[in-house]
Amino acid sequence: MMEELLRQILVKLDKVETNVGQFQSEVRGRFEQMDKRFEQIDQRFAQVDKRFEQIDKRFKQIDQRFEQIDKRFEKIDKRFEQIDQRFA
């Protein structure tokens, strides 16, 4: 009777060990999936950062263009002032 009880305990312990092993395997698999997902997210952020750098460069170009336009308007304005003075 004691041997039977010990066998039953061993069988239950084997089942517990098997279940724990399966659980550990599943957890490892989930963490691997999470790691891959974080890698994808990191890559996406790197792409977004590059895009923002491009946008920043474009805005600088636009700012320079506006500065050029402002200078042209100043020249035009001065020219109109000269014309106004001639006709005044």
N, C-alpha and C. Protein backbone atom coordinates (compact mmCIF):
# COMPACT_ATOMS: atom_id res chain seq x y z
N MET A 1 0.82 -1.19 0.00
CA MET A 1 0.00 0.00 0.00
C MET A 1 0.87 1.26 0.00
N MET A 2 1.92 1.26 0.74
CA MET A 2 2.84 2.40 0.80
C MET A 2 3.52 2.59 -0.55
N GLU A 3 3.87 1.50 -1.19
CA GLU A 3 4.51 1.58 -2.51
C GLU A 3 3.55 2.17 -3.53
N GLU A 4 2.30 1.78 -3.45
CA GLU A 4 1.29 2.31 -4.37
C GLU A 4 1.12 3.82 -4.15
N LEU A 5 1.08 4.23 -2.91
CA LEU A 5 0.95 5.64 -2.58
C LEU A 5 2.16 6.42 -3.09
N LEU A 6 3.34 5.86 -2.92
CA LEU A 6 4.56 6.51 -3.43
C LEU A 6 4.54 6.61 -4.95
N ARG A 7 4.07 5.56 -5.62
CA ARG A 7 3.96 5.59 -7.08
C ARG A 7 3.00 6.68 -7.53
N GLN A 8 1.88 6.78 -6.84
CA GLN A 8 0.90 7.82 -7.19
C GLN A 8 1.49 9.22 -6.99
N ILE A 9 2.22 9.37 -5.90
CA ILE A 9 2.87 10.66 -5.63
C ILE A 9 3.88 10.97 -6.73
N LEU A 10 4.67 9.95 -7.12
CA LEU A 10 5.66 10.15 -8.18
C LEU A 10 5.00 10.48 -9.51
N VAL A 11 3.90 9.85 -9.82
CA VAL A 11 3.16 10.13 -11.07
C VAL A 11 2.66 11.57 -11.04
N LYS A 12 2.11 11.97 -9.89
CA LYS A 12 1.61 13.35 -9.78
C LYS A 12 2.76 14.35 -9.88
N LEU A 13 3.89 14.03 -9.24
CA LEU A 13 5.05 14.91 -9.33
C LEU A 13 5.55 15.01 -10.78
N ASP A 14 5.56 13.88 -11.49
CA ASP A 14 5.95 13.89 -12.91
C ASP A 14 5.02 14.79 -13.72
N LYS A 15 3.72 14.70 -13.44
CA LYS A 15 2.76 15.55 -14.15
C LYS A 15 3.00 17.03 -13.85
N VAL A 16 3.24 17.31 -12.57
CA VAL A 16 3.51 18.69 -12.18
C VAL A 16 4.77 19.17 -12.88
N GLU A 17 5.81 18.35 -12.88
CA GLU A 17 7.07 18.72 -13.53
C GLU A 17 6.86 18.95 -15.02
N THR A 18 6.08 18.08 -15.64
CA THR A 18 5.78 18.23 -17.08
C THR A 18 5.01 19.54 -17.32
N ASN A 19 4.02 19.81 -16.48
CA ASN A 19 3.23 21.04 -16.64
C ASN A 19 4.10 22.28 -16.43
N VAL A 20 4.98 22.23 -15.44
CA VAL A 20 5.88 23.35 -15.19
C VAL A 20 6.80 23.54 -16.39
N GLY A 21 7.31 22.44 -16.94
CA GLY A 21 8.18 22.52 -18.12
C GLY A 21 7.45 23.13 -19.31
N GLN A 22 6.20 22.71 -19.51
CA GLN A 22 5.40 23.27 -20.61
C GLN A 22 5.16 24.77 -20.38
N PHE A 23 4.85 25.11 -19.14
CA PHE A 23 4.61 26.52 -18.81
C PHE A 23 5.87 27.34 -19.07
N GLN A 24 7.02 26.84 -18.63
CA GLN A 24 8.27 27.56 -18.86
C GLN A 24 8.54 27.72 -20.34
N SER A 25 8.26 26.68 -21.11
CA SER A 25 8.46 26.74 -22.55
C SER A 25 7.55 27.80 -23.18
N GLU A 26 6.29 27.81 -22.75
CA GLU A 26 5.35 28.80 -23.27
C GLU A 26 5.78 30.22 -22.91
N VAL A 27 6.24 30.39 -21.67
CA VAL A 27 6.69 31.72 -21.23
C VAL A 27 7.89 32.15 -22.05
N ARG A 28 8.85 31.24 -22.26
CA ARG A 28 10.01 31.57 -23.09
C ARG A 28 9.58 31.97 -24.49
N GLY A 29 8.64 31.21 -25.05
CA GLY A 29 8.13 31.53 -26.39
C GLY A 29 7.49 32.90 -26.44
N ARG A 30 6.72 33.22 -25.42
CA ARG A 30 6.08 34.53 -25.36
C ARG A 30 7.11 35.65 -25.27
N PHE A 31 8.14 35.43 -24.43
CA PHE A 31 9.18 36.45 -24.30
C PHE A 31 9.95 36.61 -25.61
N GLU A 32 10.15 35.52 -26.32
CA GLU A 32 10.81 35.62 -27.63
C GLU A 32 9.96 36.43 -28.59
N GLN A 33 8.65 36.18 -28.57
CA GLN A 33 7.74 36.96 -29.42
C GLN A 33 7.78 38.44 -29.03
N MET A 34 7.79 38.71 -27.74
CA MET A 34 7.85 40.10 -27.28
C MET A 34 9.15 40.76 -27.70
N ASP A 35 10.26 40.02 -27.59
CA ASP A 35 11.55 40.56 -28.01
C ASP A 35 11.53 40.91 -29.50
N LYS A 36 10.97 40.01 -30.31
CA LYS A 36 10.88 40.28 -31.75
C LYS A 36 10.02 41.50 -32.02
N ARG A 37 8.93 41.61 -31.29
CA ARG A 37 8.02 42.75 -31.48
C ARG A 37 8.73 44.06 -31.09
N PHE A 38 9.47 44.02 -29.99
CA PHE A 38 10.21 45.22 -29.58
C PHE A 38 11.27 45.58 -30.61
N GLU A 39 11.89 44.58 -31.21
CA GLU A 39 12.86 44.86 -32.27
C GLU A 39 12.17 45.55 -33.45
N GLN A 40 10.98 45.06 -33.80
CA GLN A 40 10.23 45.68 -34.89
C GLN A 40 9.86 47.13 -34.53
N ILE A 41 9.45 47.33 -33.29
CA ILE A 41 9.09 48.67 -32.85
C ILE A 41 10.31 49.58 -32.90
N ASP A 42 11.46 49.08 -32.45
CA ASP A 42 12.69 49.87 -32.51
C ASP A 42 13.04 50.25 -33.94
N GLN A 43 12.88 49.30 -34.86
CA GLN A 43 13.15 49.59 -36.27
C GLN A 43 12.19 50.65 -36.79
N ARG A 44 10.95 50.56 -36.39
CA ARG A 44 9.95 51.53 -36.85
C ARG A 44 10.28 52.92 -36.31
N PHE A 45 10.69 52.98 -35.04
CA PHE A 45 11.08 54.27 -34.48
C PHE A 45 12.29 54.84 -35.20
N ALA A 46 13.22 53.98 -35.58
CA ALA A 46 14.39 54.45 -36.33
C ALA A 46 13.94 55.04 -37.66
N GLN A 47 12.98 54.39 -38.31
CA GLN A 47 12.44 54.91 -39.58
C GLN A 47 11.75 56.25 -39.35
N VAL A 48 10.98 56.34 -38.28
CA VAL A 48 10.28 57.58 -37.97
C VAL A 48 11.29 58.70 -37.70
N ASP A 49 12.35 58.37 -36.95
CA ASP A 49 13.40 59.36 -36.67
C ASP A 49 14.03 59.87 -37.97
N LYS A 50 14.31 58.95 -38.89
CA LYS A 50 14.89 59.36 -40.18
C LYS A 50 13.93 60.26 -40.93
N ARG A 51 12.66 59.93 -40.89
CA ARG A 51 11.66 60.73 -41.59
C ARG A 51 11.58 62.14 -40.99
N PHE A 52 11.64 62.21 -39.66
CA PHE A 52 11.63 63.53 -39.01
C PHE A 52 12.87 64.33 -39.37
N GLU A 53 14.01 63.66 -39.50
CA GLU A 53 15.21 64.36 -39.94
C GLU A 53 15.02 64.94 -41.33
N GLN A 54 14.40 64.15 -42.21
CA GLN A 54 14.13 64.64 -43.56
C GLN A 54 13.17 65.83 -43.52
N ILE A 55 12.16 65.73 -42.68
CA ILE A 55 11.19 66.82 -42.57
C ILE A 55 11.87 68.07 -42.03
N ASP A 56 12.74 67.89 -41.02
CA ASP A 56 13.48 69.04 -40.48
C ASP A 56 14.33 69.71 -41.56
N LYS A 57 15.00 68.91 -42.37
CA LYS A 57 15.81 69.47 -43.46
C LYS A 57 14.93 70.24 -44.43
N ARG A 58 13.79 69.67 -44.72
CA ARG A 58 12.87 70.34 -45.66
C ARG A 58 12.38 71.67 -45.09
N PHE A 59 12.07 71.69 -43.80
CA PHE A 59 11.64 72.94 -43.17
C PHE A 59 12.75 73.98 -43.20
N LYS A 60 13.98 73.56 -43.02
CA LYS A 60 15.10 74.50 -43.11
C LYS A 60 15.19 75.08 -44.51
N GLN A 61 14.99 74.22 -45.51
CA GLN A 61 15.01 74.70 -46.89
C GLN A 61 13.87 75.70 -47.12
N ILE A 62 12.72 75.37 -46.59
CA ILE A 62 11.57 76.27 -46.75
C ILE A 62 11.85 77.60 -46.06
N ASP A 63 12.43 77.54 -44.85
CA ASP A 63 12.77 78.78 -44.14
C ASP A 63 13.74 79.63 -44.95
N GLN A 64 14.73 78.99 -45.55
CA GLN A 64 15.68 79.72 -46.38
C GLN A 64 14.98 80.35 -47.57
N ARG A 65 14.08 79.61 -48.14
CA ARG A 65 13.33 80.13 -49.30
C ARG A 65 12.49 81.35 -48.89
N PHE A 66 11.86 81.27 -47.73
CA PHE A 66 11.08 82.41 -47.25
C PHE A 66 11.97 83.61 -46.98
N GLU A 67 13.16 83.37 -46.47
CA GLU A 67 14.10 84.47 -46.25
C GLU A 67 14.44 85.14 -47.58
N GLN A 68 14.66 84.33 -48.60
CA GLN A 68 14.94 84.89 -49.93
C GLN A 68 13.75 85.69 -50.44
N ILE A 69 12.57 85.17 -50.24
CA ILE A 69 11.36 85.87 -50.69
C ILE A 69 11.20 87.19 -49.93
N ASP A 70 11.45 87.12 -48.61
CA ASP A 70 11.37 88.36 -47.81
C ASP A 70 12.35 89.41 -48.34
N LYS A 71 13.56 89.00 -48.67
CA LYS A 71 14.55 89.95 -49.20
C LYS A 71 14.07 90.54 -50.52
N ARG A 72 13.49 89.71 -51.37
CA ARG A 72 12.96 90.22 -52.64
C ARG A 72 11.83 91.23 -52.42
N PHE A 73 10.95 90.91 -51.45
CA PHE A 73 9.87 91.85 -51.15
C PHE A 73 10.43 93.17 -50.62
N GLU A 74 11.49 93.08 -49.80
CA GLU A 74 12.11 94.32 -49.31
C GLU A 74 12.64 95.14 -50.48
N LYS A 75 13.28 94.49 -51.45
CA LYS A 75 13.80 95.20 -52.62
C LYS A 75 12.66 95.81 -53.42
N ILE A 76 11.59 95.05 -53.59
CA ILE A 76 10.43 95.57 -54.33
C ILE A 76 9.82 96.75 -53.60
N ASP A 77 9.71 96.61 -52.27
CA ASP A 77 9.15 97.69 -51.47
C ASP A 77 10.00 98.96 -51.59
N LYS A 78 11.32 98.80 -51.52
CA LYS A 78 12.22 99.96 -51.69
C LYS A 78 12.05 100.57 -53.07
N ARG A 79 11.92 99.73 -54.05
CA ARG A 79 11.75 100.23 -55.43
C ARG A 79 10.46 101.04 -55.56
N PHE A 80 9.37 100.53 -54.96
CA PHE A 80 8.11 101.26 -54.98
C PHE A 80 8.23 102.59 -54.24
N GLU A 81 8.99 102.60 -53.13
CA GLU A 81 9.20 103.85 -52.40
C GLU A 81 9.94 104.86 -53.28
N GLN A 82 10.95 104.36 -54.03
CA GLN A 82 11.68 105.25 -54.94
C GLN A 82 10.74 105.81 -56.01
N ILE A 83 9.88 104.96 -56.54
CA ILE A 83 8.96 105.40 -57.57
C ILE A 83 7.97 106.41 -56.99
N ASP A 84 7.46 106.12 -55.79
CA ASP A 84 6.53 107.04 -55.13
C ASP A 84 7.19 108.41 -54.92
N GLN A 85 8.45 108.40 -54.51
CA GLN A 85 9.17 109.69 -54.27
C GLN A 85 9.33 110.47 -55.56
N ARG A 86 9.52 109.78 -56.67
CA ARG A 86 9.68 110.47 -57.95
C ARG A 86 8.39 111.15 -58.37
N PHE A 87 7.27 110.49 -58.07
CA PHE A 87 5.99 111.05 -58.52
C PHE A 87 5.35 111.97 -57.49
N ALA A 88 5.95 112.08 -56.32
CA ALA A 88 5.36 112.92 -55.28
C ALA A 88 5.65 114.38 -55.47
